[in-house]
Amino acid sequence: MIVELRKKSQITLPKEIVSKLHLETGDHFDAREKNGVIYLIPVSVYPKKYIDDLNIEIDSLKDDLKSGKEIVFDNVDSLLKKLG
């Protein structure tokens, strides 16, 4: 699909791609160039504090595992509740 570079270096993604990838206004992308090819990779952006808190919780779970404590979650929801 052909797109046009417009003022302020903007392009419009084709509707088919937006729909297929379930993209929405405000989504973020990692833009990279390699060997003359431009890549746009959708990414999720979270506040640094949220990531720091998750890392603390993950480290705590790792410590529990190292000490031999068995960690069991009945489902994904209970795991996510523990993490956050």
PDB file of N, CA and C in Angstrom:
ATOM      1  N   MET A   1       0.835  -1.173   0.000  1.00  0.00           N
ATOM      2  CA  MET A   1       0.000   0.000   0.000  1.00  0.00           C
ATOM      3  C   MET A   1       0.885   1.244   0.000  1.00  0.00           C
ATOM      4  N   ILE A   2       0.505   2.196  -0.748  1.00  0.00           N
ATOM      5  CA  ILE A   2       1.263   3.437  -0.870  1.00  0.00           C
ATOM      6  C   ILE A   2       0.672   4.469   0.089  1.00  0.00           C
ATOM      7  N   VAL A   3       1.544   5.120   0.851  1.00  0.00           N
ATOM      8  CA  VAL A   3       1.128   6.229   1.714  1.00  0.00           C
ATOM      9  C   VAL A   3       1.986   7.431   1.367  1.00  0.00           C
ATOM     10  N   GLU A   4       1.506   8.602   1.717  1.00  0.00           N
ATOM     11  CA  GLU A   4       2.193   9.847   1.375  1.00  0.00           C
ATOM     12  C   GLU A   4       2.723  10.521   2.628  1.00  0.00           C
ATOM     13  N   LEU A   5       3.959  10.982   2.568  1.00  0.00           N
ATOM     14  CA  LEU A   5       4.536  11.772   3.650  1.00  0.00           C
ATOM     15  C   LEU A   5       3.992  13.185   3.527  1.00  0.00           C
ATOM     16  N   ARG A   6       3.388  13.684   4.585  1.00  0.00           N
ATOM     17  CA  ARG A   6       2.746  15.004   4.562  1.00  0.00           C
ATOM     18  C   ARG A   6       3.525  15.986   5.425  1.00  0.00           C
ATOM     19  N   LYS A   7       2.951  17.180   5.576  1.00  0.00           N
ATOM     20  CA  LYS A   7       3.581  18.200   6.413  1.00  0.00           C
ATOM     21  C   LYS A   7       3.864  17.623   7.792  1.00  0.00           C
ATOM     22  N   LYS A   8       4.889  18.132   8.421  1.00  0.00           N
ATOM     23  CA  LYS A   8       5.288  17.718   9.765  1.00  0.00           C
ATOM     24  C   LYS A   8       5.622  16.227   9.817  1.00  0.00           C
ATOM     25  N   SER A   9       6.076  15.653   8.721  1.00  0.00           N
ATOM     26  CA  SER A   9       6.513  14.258   8.645  1.00  0.00           C
ATOM     27  C   SER A   9       5.425  13.262   9.014  1.00  0.00           C
ATOM     28  N   GLN A  10       4.175  13.566   8.714  1.00  0.00           N
ATOM     29  CA  GLN A  10       3.066  12.687   9.073  1.00  0.00           C
ATOM     30  C   GLN A  10       2.661  11.792   7.904  1.00  0.00           C
ATOM     31  N   ILE A  11       2.236  10.564   8.254  1.00  0.00           N
ATOM     32  CA  ILE A  11       1.652   9.656   7.270  1.00  0.00           C
ATOM     33  C   ILE A  11       0.329   9.147   7.840  1.00  0.00           C
ATOM     34  N   THR A  12      -0.553   8.683   6.976  1.00  0.00           N
ATOM     35  CA  THR A  12      -1.802   8.069   7.404  1.00  0.00           C
ATOM     36  C   THR A  12      -1.705   6.582   7.122  1.00  0.00           C
ATOM     37  N   LEU A  13      -1.918   5.775   8.161  1.00  0.00           N
ATOM     38  CA  LEU A  13      -1.897   4.329   7.971  1.00  0.00           C
ATOM     39  C   LEU A  13      -3.176   3.893   7.264  1.00  0.00           C
ATOM     40  N   PRO A  14      -3.070   2.969   6.330  1.00  0.00           N
ATOM     41  CA  PRO A  14      -4.268   2.478   5.653  1.00  0.00           C
ATOM     42  C   PRO A  14      -5.260   1.865   6.642  1.00  0.00           C
ATOM     43  N   LYS A  15      -6.550   2.103   6.385  1.00  0.00           N
ATOM     44  CA  LYS A  15      -7.615   1.630   7.262  1.00  0.00           C
ATOM     45  C   LYS A  15      -7.541   0.117   7.482  1.00  0.00           C
ATOM     46  N   GLU A  16      -7.172  -0.627   6.442  1.00  0.00           N
ATOM     47  CA  GLU A  16      -7.086  -2.084   6.556  1.00  0.00           C
ATOM     48  C   GLU A  16      -6.074  -2.505   7.625  1.00  0.00           C
ATOM     49  N   ILE A  17      -4.958  -1.801   7.678  1.00  0.00           N
ATOM     50  CA  ILE A  17      -3.921  -2.120   8.677  1.00  0.00           C
ATOM     51  C   ILE A  17      -4.403  -1.722  10.064  1.00  0.00           C
ATOM     52  N   VAL A  18      -4.993  -0.546  10.179  1.00  0.00           N
ATOM     53  CA  VAL A  18      -5.505  -0.074  11.468  1.00  0.00           C
ATOM     54  C   VAL A  18      -6.535  -1.064  12.014  1.00  0.00           C
ATOM     55  N   SER A  19      -7.441  -1.511  11.169  1.00  0.00           N
ATOM     56  CA  SER A  19      -8.478  -2.463  11.600  1.00  0.00           C
ATOM     57  C   SER A  19      -7.876  -3.814  11.964  1.00  0.00           C
ATOM     58  N   LYS A  20      -7.004  -4.324  11.113  1.00  0.00           N
ATOM     59  CA  LYS A  20      -6.400  -5.647  11.339  1.00  0.00           C
ATOM     60  C   LYS A  20      -5.637  -5.705  12.652  1.00  0.00           C
ATOM     61  N   LEU A  21      -4.944  -4.618  12.996  1.00  0.00           N
ATOM     62  CA  LEU A  21      -4.125  -4.584  14.212  1.00  0.00           C
ATOM     63  C   LEU A  21      -4.860  -3.986  15.404  1.00  0.00           C
ATOM     64  N   HIS A  22      -6.152  -3.629  15.207  1.00  0.00           N
ATOM     65  CA  HIS A  22      -6.972  -3.050  16.276  1.00  0.00           C
ATOM     66  C   HIS A  22      -6.309  -1.803  16.869  1.00  0.00           C
ATOM     67  N   LEU A  23      -5.780  -0.947  15.995  1.00  0.00           N
ATOM     68  CA  LEU A  23      -5.132   0.277  16.447  1.00  0.00           C
ATOM     69  C   LEU A  23      -6.179   1.344  16.719  1.00  0.00           C
ATOM     70  N   GLU A  24      -5.844   2.236  17.652  1.00  0.00           N
ATOM     71  CA  GLU A  24      -6.752   3.309  18.023  1.00  0.00           C
ATOM     72  C   GLU A  24      -5.995   4.628  18.106  1.00  0.00           C
ATOM     73  N   THR A  25      -6.729   5.713  18.003  1.00  0.00           N
ATOM     74  CA  THR A  25      -6.135   7.037  18.157  1.00  0.00           C
ATOM     75  C   THR A  25      -5.388   7.109  19.486  1.00  0.00           C
ATOM     76  N   GLY A  26      -4.170   7.600  19.454  1.00  0.00           N
ATOM     77  CA  GLY A  26      -3.376   7.724  20.670  1.00  0.00           C
ATOM     78  C   GLY A  26      -2.424   6.558  20.902  1.00  0.00           C
ATOM     79  N   ASP A  27      -2.531   5.481  20.112  1.00  0.00           N
ATOM     80  CA  ASP A  27      -1.593   4.367  20.269  1.00  0.00           C
ATOM     81  C   ASP A  27      -0.173   4.850  19.974  1.00  0.00           C
ATOM     82  N   HIS A  28       0.798   4.178  20.581  1.00  0.00           N
ATOM     83  CA  HIS A  28       2.202   4.536  20.416  1.00  0.00           C
ATOM     84  C   HIS A  28       2.919   3.476  19.576  1.00  0.00           C
ATOM     85  N   PHE A  29       3.993   3.923  18.900  1.00  0.00           N
ATOM     86  CA  PHE A  29       4.789   3.042  18.061  1.00  0.00           C
ATOM     87  C   PHE A  29       6.265   3.286  18.310  1.00  0.00           C
ATOM     88  N   ASP A  30       7.044   2.233  18.166  1.00  0.00           N
ATOM     89  CA  ASP A  30       8.495   2.353  18.123  1.00  0.00           C
ATOM     90  C   ASP A  30       8.843   2.449  16.642  1.00  0.00           C
ATOM     91  N   ALA A  31       9.442   3.554  16.218  1.00  0.00           N
ATOM     92  CA  ALA A  31       9.814   3.753  14.818  1.00  0.00           C
ATOM     93  C   ALA A  31      11.305   3.469  14.655  1.00  0.00           C
ATOM     94  N   ARG A  32      11.617   2.578  13.719  1.00  0.00           N
ATOM     95  CA  ARG A  32      13.017   2.204  13.475  1.00  0.00           C
ATOM     96  C   ARG A  32      13.295   2.166  11.982  1.00  0.00           C
ATOM     97  N   GLU A  33      14.549   2.354  11.641  1.00  0.00           N
ATOM     98  CA  GLU A  33      14.997   2.226  10.258  1.00  0.00           C
ATOM     99  C   GLU A  33      16.130   1.223  10.232  1.00  0.00           C
ATOM    100  N   LYS A  34      16.075   0.310   9.282  1.00  0.00           N
ATOM    101  CA  LYS A  34      17.164  -0.655   9.122  1.00  0.00           C
ATOM    102  C   LYS A  34      17.310  -0.940   7.637  1.00  0.00           C
ATOM    103  N   ASN A  35      18.493  -0.669   7.114  1.00  0.00           N
ATOM    104  CA  ASN A  35      18.804  -0.919   5.703  1.00  0.00           C
ATOM    105  C   ASN A  35      17.786  -0.269   4.765  1.00  0.00           C
ATOM    106  N   GLY A  36      17.366   0.957   5.100  1.00  0.00           N
ATOM    107  CA  GLY A  36      16.459   1.689   4.236  1.00  0.00           C
ATOM    108  C   GLY A  36      14.990   1.318   4.381  1.00  0.00           C
ATOM    109  N   VAL A  37      14.670   0.442   5.334  1.00  0.00           N
ATOM    110  CA  VAL A  37      13.284   0.039   5.571  1.00  0.00           C
ATOM    111  C   VAL A  37      12.818   0.660   6.879  1.00  0.00           C
ATOM    112  N   ILE A  38      11.621   1.259   6.879  1.00  0.00           N
ATOM    113  CA  ILE A  38      11.055   1.874   8.078  1.00  0.00           C
ATOM    114  C   ILE A  38      10.106   0.871   8.731  1.00  0.00           C
ATOM    115  N   TYR A  39      10.287   0.635  10.020  1.00  0.00           N
ATOM    116  CA  TYR A  39       9.426  -0.258  10.780  1.00  0.00           C
ATOM    117  C   TYR A  39       8.661   0.550  11.826  1.00  0.00           C
ATOM    118  N   LEU A  40       7.363   0.328  11.931  1.00  0.00           N
ATOM    119  CA  LEU A  40       6.537   0.907  12.989  1.00  0.00           C
ATOM    120  C   LEU A  40       6.018  -0.260  13.823  1.00  0.00           C
ATOM    121  N   ILE A  41       6.424  -0.313  15.074  1.00  0.00           N
ATOM    122  CA  ILE A  41       6.055  -1.429  15.948  1.00  0.00           C
ATOM    123  C   ILE A  41       5.158  -0.894  17.062  1.00  0.00           C
ATOM    124  N   PRO A  42       3.883  -1.357  17.130  1.00  0.00           N
ATOM    125  CA  PRO A  42       3.005  -0.900  18.203  1.00  0.00           C
ATOM    126  C   PRO A  42       3.580  -1.282  19.574  1.00  0.00           C
ATOM    127  N   VAL A  43       3.515  -0.341  20.512  1.00  0.00           N
ATOM    128  CA  VAL A  43       4.017  -0.589  21.864  1.00  0.00           C
ATOM    129  C   VAL A  43       2.997  -0.099  22.893  1.00  0.00           C
ATOM    130  N   SER A  44       3.092  -0.638  24.089  1.00  0.00           N
ATOM    131  CA  SER A  44       2.301  -0.156  25.221  1.00  0.00           C
ATOM    132  C   SER A  44       3.206   0.681  26.099  1.00  0.00           C
ATOM    133  N   VAL A  45       2.698   1.794  26.563  1.00  0.00           N
ATOM    134  CA  VAL A  45       3.482   2.699  27.398  1.00  0.00           C
ATOM    135  C   VAL A  45       2.829   2.760  28.775  1.00  0.00           C
ATOM    136  N   TYR A  46       3.625   2.505  29.813  1.00  0.00           N
ATOM    137  CA  TYR A  46       3.137   2.526  31.187  1.00  0.00           C
ATOM    138  C   TYR A  46       3.956   3.510  32.001  1.00  0.00           C
ATOM    139  N   PRO A  47       3.371   4.103  33.041  1.00  0.00           N
ATOM    140  CA  PRO A  47       4.139   4.999  33.911  1.00  0.00           C
ATOM    141  C   PRO A  47       5.301   4.246  34.577  1.00  0.00           C
ATOM    142  N   LYS A  48       6.409   4.926  34.752  1.00  0.00           N
ATOM    143  CA  LYS A  48       7.602   4.314  35.348  1.00  0.00           C
ATOM    144  C   LYS A  48       7.298   3.716  36.717  1.00  0.00           C
ATOM    145  N   LYS A  49       6.507   4.386  37.533  1.00  0.00           N
ATOM    146  CA  LYS A  49       6.189   3.868  38.865  1.00  0.00           C
ATOM    147  C   LYS A  49       5.484   2.515  38.765  1.00  0.00           C
ATOM    148  N   TYR A  50       4.575   2.352  37.819  1.00  0.00           N
ATOM    149  CA  TYR A  50       3.872   1.078  37.632  1.00  0.00           C
ATOM    150  C   TYR A  50       4.868  -0.036  37.307  1.00  0.00           C
ATOM    151  N   ILE A  51       5.801   0.240  36.407  1.00  0.00           N
ATOM    152  CA  ILE A  51       6.821  -0.754  36.040  1.00  0.00           C
ATOM    153  C   ILE A  51       7.724  -1.057  37.231  1.00  0.00           C
ATOM    154  N   ASP A  52       8.126  -0.029  37.978  1.00  0.00           N
ATOM    155  CA  ASP A  52       8.967  -0.235  39.158  1.00  0.00           C
ATOM    156  C   ASP A  52       8.246  -1.113  40.187  1.00  0.00           C
ATOM    157  N   ASP A  53       6.957  -0.846  40.426  1.00  0.00           N
ATOM    158  CA  ASP A  53       6.182  -1.651  41.380  1.00  0.00           C
ATOM    159  C   ASP A  53       6.070  -3.101  40.916  1.00  0.00           C
ATOM    160  N   LEU A  54       5.871  -3.315  39.620  1.00  0.00           N
ATOM    161  CA  LEU A  54       5.823  -4.685  39.089  1.00  0.00           C
ATOM    162  C   LEU A  54       7.156  -5.397  39.289  1.00  0.00           C
ATOM    163  N   ASN A  55       8.251  -4.689  39.054  1.00  0.00           N
ATOM    164  CA  ASN A  55       9.571  -5.301  39.241  1.00  0.00           C
ATOM    165  C   ASN A  55       9.800  -5.695  40.693  1.00  0.00           C
ATOM    166  N   ILE A  56       9.352  -4.881  41.628  1.00  0.00           N
ATOM    167  CA  ILE A  56       9.478  -5.215  43.052  1.00  0.00           C
ATOM    168  C   ILE A  56       8.685  -6.480  43.361  1.00  0.00           C
ATOM    169  N   GLU A  57       7.476  -6.556  42.848  1.00  0.00           N
ATOM    170  CA  GLU A  57       6.623  -7.730  43.087  1.00  0.00           C
ATOM    171  C   GLU A  57       7.217  -8.985  42.449  1.00  0.00           C
ATOM    172  N   ILE A  58       7.758  -8.849  41.250  1.00  0.00           N
ATOM    173  CA  ILE A  58       8.388  -9.988  40.579  1.00  0.00           C
ATOM    174  C   ILE A  58       9.600 -10.453  41.363  1.00  0.00           C
ATOM    175  N   ASP A  59      10.422  -9.516  41.847  1.00  0.00           N
ATOM    176  CA  ASP A  59      11.584  -9.882  42.653  1.00  0.00           C
ATOM    177  C   ASP A  59      11.158 -10.619  43.919  1.00  0.00           C
ATOM    178  N   SER A  60      10.057 -10.183  44.526  1.00  0.00           N
ATOM    179  CA  SER A  60       9.542 -10.843  45.719  1.00  0.00           C
ATOM    180  C   SER A  60       9.116 -12.283  45.405  1.00  0.00           C
ATOM    181  N   LEU A  61       8.442 -12.467  44.284  1.00  0.00           N
ATOM    182  CA  LEU A  61       8.033 -13.820  43.880  1.00  0.00           C
ATOM    183  C   LEU A  61       9.252 -14.698  43.584  1.00  0.00           C
ATOM    184  N   LYS A  62      10.269 -14.121  42.952  1.00  0.00           N
ATOM    185  CA  LYS A  62      11.499 -14.874  42.686  1.00  0.00           C
ATOM    186  C   LYS A  62      12.160 -15.310  43.988  1.00  0.00           C
ATOM    187  N   ASP A  63      12.190 -14.413  44.978  1.00  0.00           N
ATOM    188  CA  ASP A  63      12.765 -14.750  46.285  1.00  0.00           C
ATOM    189  C   ASP A  63      11.989 -15.892  46.933  1.00  0.00           C
ATOM    190  N   ASP A  64      10.653 -15.843  46.842  1.00  0.00           N
ATOM    191  CA  ASP A  64       9.827 -16.925  47.387  1.00  0.00           C
ATOM    192  C   ASP A  64      10.166 -18.253  46.720  1.00  0.00           C
ATOM    193  N   LEU A  65      10.337 -18.230  45.396  1.00  0.00           N
ATOM    194  CA  LEU A  65      10.672 -19.459  44.678  1.00  0.00           C
ATOM    195  C   LEU A  65      12.042 -19.988  45.081  1.00  0.00           C
ATOM    196  N   LYS A  66      13.021 -19.087  45.231  1.00  0.00           N
ATOM    197  CA  LYS A  66      14.371 -19.496  45.624  1.00  0.00           C
ATOM    198  C   LYS A  66      14.384 -20.123  47.006  1.00  0.00           C
ATOM    199  N   SER A  67      13.511 -19.642  47.891  1.00  0.00           N
ATOM    200  CA  SER A  67      13.473 -20.164  49.259  1.00  0.00           C
ATOM    201  C   SER A  67      12.684 -21.470  49.345  1.00  0.00           C
ATOM    202  N   GLY A  68      12.161 -21.930  48.202  1.00  0.00           N
ATOM    203  CA  GLY A  68      11.436 -23.189  48.185  1.00  0.00           C
ATOM    204  C   GLY A  68       9.942 -23.064  48.409  1.00  0.00           C
ATOM    205  N   LYS A  69       9.468 -21.848  48.586  1.00  0.00           N
ATOM    206  CA  LYS A  69       8.043 -21.647  48.790  1.00  0.00           C
ATOM    207  C   LYS A  69       7.292 -21.934  47.492  1.00  0.00           C
ATOM    208  N   GLU A  70       6.248 -22.749  47.591  1.00  0.00           N
ATOM    209  CA  GLU A  70       5.460 -23.078  46.408  1.00  0.00           C
ATOM    210  C   GLU A  70       4.451 -21.960  46.153  1.00  0.00           C
ATOM    211  N   ILE A  71       4.428 -21.483  44.925  1.00  0.00           N
ATOM    212  CA  ILE A  71       3.509 -20.417  44.546  1.00  0.00           C
ATOM    213  C   ILE A  71       2.528 -20.984  43.537  1.00  0.00           C
ATOM    214  N   VAL A  72       1.248 -20.960  43.888  1.00  0.00           N
ATOM    215  CA  VAL A  72       0.211 -21.502  43.017  1.00  0.00           C
ATOM    216  C   VAL A  72      -0.878 -20.454  42.820  1.00  0.00           C
ATOM    217  N   PHE A  73      -1.262 -20.276  41.584  1.00  0.00           N
ATOM    218  CA  PHE A  73      -2.366 -19.385  41.253  1.00  0.00           C
ATOM    219  C   PHE A  73      -3.450 -20.218  40.586  1.00  0.00           C
ATOM    220  N   ASP A  74      -4.688 -20.030  41.019  1.00  0.00           N
ATOM    221  CA  ASP A  74      -5.805 -20.782  40.464  1.00  0.00           C
ATOM    222  C   ASP A  74      -6.130 -20.367  39.035  1.00  0.00           C
ATOM    223  N   ASN A  75      -5.856 -19.104  38.729  1.00  0.00           N
ATOM    224  CA  ASN A  75      -6.154 -18.601  37.393  1.00  0.00           C
ATOM    225  C   ASN A  75      -5.337 -17.339  37.139  1.00  0.00           C
ATOM    226  N   VAL A  76      -5.424 -16.847  35.928  1.00  0.00           N
ATOM    227  CA  VAL A  76      -4.663 -15.669  35.549  1.00  0.00           C
ATOM    228  C   VAL A  76      -5.093 -14.451  36.346  1.00  0.00           C
ATOM    229  N   ASP A  77      -6.388 -14.348  36.638  1.00  0.00           N
ATOM    230  CA  ASP A  77      -6.880 -13.190  37.405  1.00  0.00           C
ATOM    231  C   ASP A  77      -6.230 -13.116  38.778  1.00  0.00           C
ATOM    232  N   SER A  78      -6.063 -14.265  39.437  1.00  0.00           N
ATOM    233  CA  SER A  78      -5.449 -14.241  40.764  1.00  0.00           C
ATOM    234  C   SER A  78      -3.961 -13.867  40.668  1.00  0.00           C
ATOM    235  N   LEU A  79      -3.298 -14.299  39.595  1.00  0.00           N
ATOM    236  CA  LEU A  79      -1.909 -13.893  39.385  1.00  0.00           C
ATOM    237  C   LEU A  79      -1.823 -12.385  39.181  1.00  0.00           C
ATOM    238  N   LEU A  80      -2.692 -11.854  38.327  1.00  0.00           N
ATOM    239  CA  LEU A  80      -2.659 -10.413  38.058  1.00  0.00           C
ATOM    240  C   LEU A  80      -3.025  -9.611  39.310  1.00  0.00           C
ATOM    241  N   LYS A  81      -3.939 -10.137  40.120  1.00  0.00           N
ATOM    242  CA  LYS A  81      -4.298  -9.445  41.361  1.00  0.00           C
ATOM    243  C   LYS A  81      -3.084  -9.382  42.289  1.00  0.00           C
ATOM    244  N   LYS A  82      -2.325 -10.476  42.345  1.00  0.00           N
ATOM    245  CA  LYS A  82      -1.116 -10.505  43.184  1.00  0.00           C
ATOM    246  C   LYS A  82      -0.089  -9.506  42.671  1.00  0.00           C
ATOM    247  N   LEU A  83       0.002  -9.369  41.366  1.00  0.00           N
ATOM    248  CA  LEU A  83       1.000  -8.464  40.775  1.00  0.00           C
ATOM    249  C   LEU A  83       0.587  -7.003  40.827  1.00  0.00           C
ATOM    250  N   GLY A  84      -0.706  -6.773  41.067  1.00  0.00           N
ATOM    251  CA  GLY A  84      -0.974  -5.418  40.942  1.00  0.00           C
ATOM    252  C   GLY A  84      -1.990  -4.635  41.537  1.00  0.00           C
TER     253      GLY A  84
END
